[in-house]
């Protein structure tokens, strides 16, 4: 139900006790409706703020990860890669020599 605030202000809606009681009930209902609406809006705002905080945190984490990736020293990492490749090739060569020595030793035993 609705109430015309101008009518109440002019006094014609509360000219009798019955009309005053009715107007008071209508005002109570209007206040309850506004309070419920405010609570709903407050809850929605709280959810939006929470989601905004989650998004801010995600953006911050992505920026940190991007910084780690972009700040890699390419020259140092290239040097590490070459060093590891040389060690791998040396290990393969040593293993091949060991296998060849094993074959030579077996030939001697025969």
Protein backbone atom coordinates (compact mmCIF):
# COMPACT_ATOMS: atom_id res chain seq x y z
CA UNK A 1 0.00 0.00 0.00
CA UNK A 2 1.09 3.56 -0.58
CA UNK A 3 0.57 6.72 1.38
CA UNK A 4 0.56 10.23 0.10
CA UNK A 5 2.98 12.17 2.28
CA UNK A 6 1.40 15.48 1.23
CA UNK A 7 -1.95 14.34 2.58
CA UNK A 8 -0.40 13.50 5.96
CA UNK A 9 1.49 16.78 6.03
CA UNK A 10 -1.77 18.71 5.41
CA UNK A 11 -3.42 16.85 8.27
CA UNK A 12 -6.44 15.52 6.38
CA UNK A 13 -5.25 11.89 6.62
CA UNK A 14 -5.01 12.06 10.42
CA UNK A 15 -8.16 14.02 11.15
CA UNK A 16 -9.60 11.17 13.19
CA UNK A 17 -8.09 8.64 15.53
CA UNK A 18 -8.93 5.82 13.10
CA UNK A 19 -7.25 7.66 10.21
CA UNK A 20 -4.22 8.38 12.41
CA UNK A 21 -3.92 4.69 13.35
CA UNK A 22 -4.23 3.69 9.69
CA UNK A 23 -1.62 6.27 8.66
CA UNK A 24 0.69 5.09 11.45
CA UNK A 25 0.36 1.47 10.27
CA UNK A 26 1.01 2.51 6.70
CA UNK A 27 4.10 4.45 7.80
CA UNK A 28 5.35 1.43 9.78
CA UNK A 29 4.92 -0.74 6.68
CA UNK A 30 6.76 1.83 4.55
CA UNK A 31 9.60 2.00 7.10
CA UNK A 32 9.85 -1.82 7.14
CA UNK A 33 9.92 -1.90 3.34
CA UNK A 34 12.67 0.71 3.20
CA UNK A 35 14.66 -1.09 5.92
CA UNK A 36 14.41 -4.40 4.06
CA UNK A 37 15.49 -2.71 0.83
CA UNK A 38 18.45 -1.08 2.56
CA UNK A 39 19.50 -4.43 4.06
CA UNK A 40 19.31 -6.09 0.65
CA UNK A 41 21.34 -3.32 -0.96
CA UNK A 42 23.87 -3.49 1.89
CA UNK A 43 24.30 -7.23 1.38
CA UNK A 44 24.79 -6.75 -2.35
CA UNK A 45 27.35 -4.02 -1.77
CA UNK A 46 29.20 -6.28 0.65
CA UNK A 47 29.33 -9.03 -1.97
CA UNK A 48 30.55 -6.61 -4.62
CA UNK A 49 33.27 -5.34 -2.29
CA UNK A 50 34.36 -8.91 -1.51
CA UNK A 51 34.49 -9.81 -5.19
CA UNK A 52 36.38 -6.60 -5.91
CA UNK A 53 38.94 -7.56 -3.25
CA UNK A 54 39.31 -11.02 -4.82
CA UNK A 55 39.84 -9.46 -8.24
CA UNK A 56 42.39 -7.00 -6.82
CA UNK A 57 44.27 -9.88 -5.21
CA UNK A 58 44.24 -11.86 -8.46
CA UNK A 59 45.55 -8.88 -10.41
CA UNK A 60 48.31 -8.38 -7.86
CA UNK A 61 49.31 -12.06 -8.06
CA UNK A 62 49.33 -11.97 -11.86
CA UNK A 63 51.47 -8.84 -11.85
CA UNK A 64 53.94 -10.50 -9.47
CA UNK A 65 54.10 -13.62 -11.65
CA UNK A 66 54.58 -11.51 -14.76
CA UNK A 67 57.36 -9.60 -13.03
CA UNK A 68 59.14 -12.85 -12.12
CA UNK A 69 58.89 -14.06 -15.71
CA UNK A 70 59.97 -10.75 -17.23
CA UNK A 71 62.85 -10.22 -14.79
CA UNK A 72 64.65 -13.44 -15.75
CA UNK A 73 68.28 -12.82 -16.70
CA UNK A 74 68.27 -14.28 -20.21
CA UNK A 75 72.07 -14.29 -20.54
CA UNK A 76 72.55 -16.14 -17.24
CA UNK A 77 69.85 -18.67 -18.08
CA UNK A 78 71.35 -19.23 -21.55
CA UNK A 79 74.74 -19.80 -19.92
CA UNK A 80 73.18 -22.31 -17.48
CA UNK A 81 71.52 -24.13 -20.38
CA UNK A 82 74.78 -24.40 -22.34
CA UNK A 83 76.59 -25.61 -19.22
CA UNK A 84 73.97 -28.32 -18.64
CA UNK A 85 74.10 -29.35 -22.29
CA UNK A 86 77.92 -29.68 -22.13
CA UNK A 87 77.64 -31.79 -18.97
CA UNK A 88 75.00 -33.98 -20.61
CA UNK A 89 77.15 -34.51 -23.70
CA UNK A 90 80.21 -35.28 -21.53
CA UNK A 91 78.19 -37.83 -19.56
CA UNK A 92 77.00 -39.47 -22.76
CA UNK A 93 80.58 -39.62 -24.08
CA UNK A 94 81.85 -41.11 -20.79
CA UNK A 95 79.09 -43.71 -20.87
CA UNK A 96 79.93 -44.59 -24.47
CA UNK A 97 83.61 -45.00 -23.52
CA UNK A 98 82.68 -47.19 -20.56
CA UNK A 99 80.55 -49.38 -22.81
CA UNK A 100 83.40 -49.58 -25.33
CA UNK A 101 85.88 -50.56 -22.58
CA UNK A 102 83.47 -53.26 -21.46
CA UNK A 103 83.33 -54.62 -24.99
CA UNK A 104 87.15 -54.52 -25.24
CA UNK A 105 87.50 -56.33 -21.92
CA UNK A 106 85.08 -59.03 -23.04
CA UNK A 107 87.09 -59.45 -26.24
CA UNK A 108 90.26 -59.97 -24.22
CA UNK A 109 88.59 -62.56 -22.01
CA UNK A 110 87.43 -64.61 -25.00
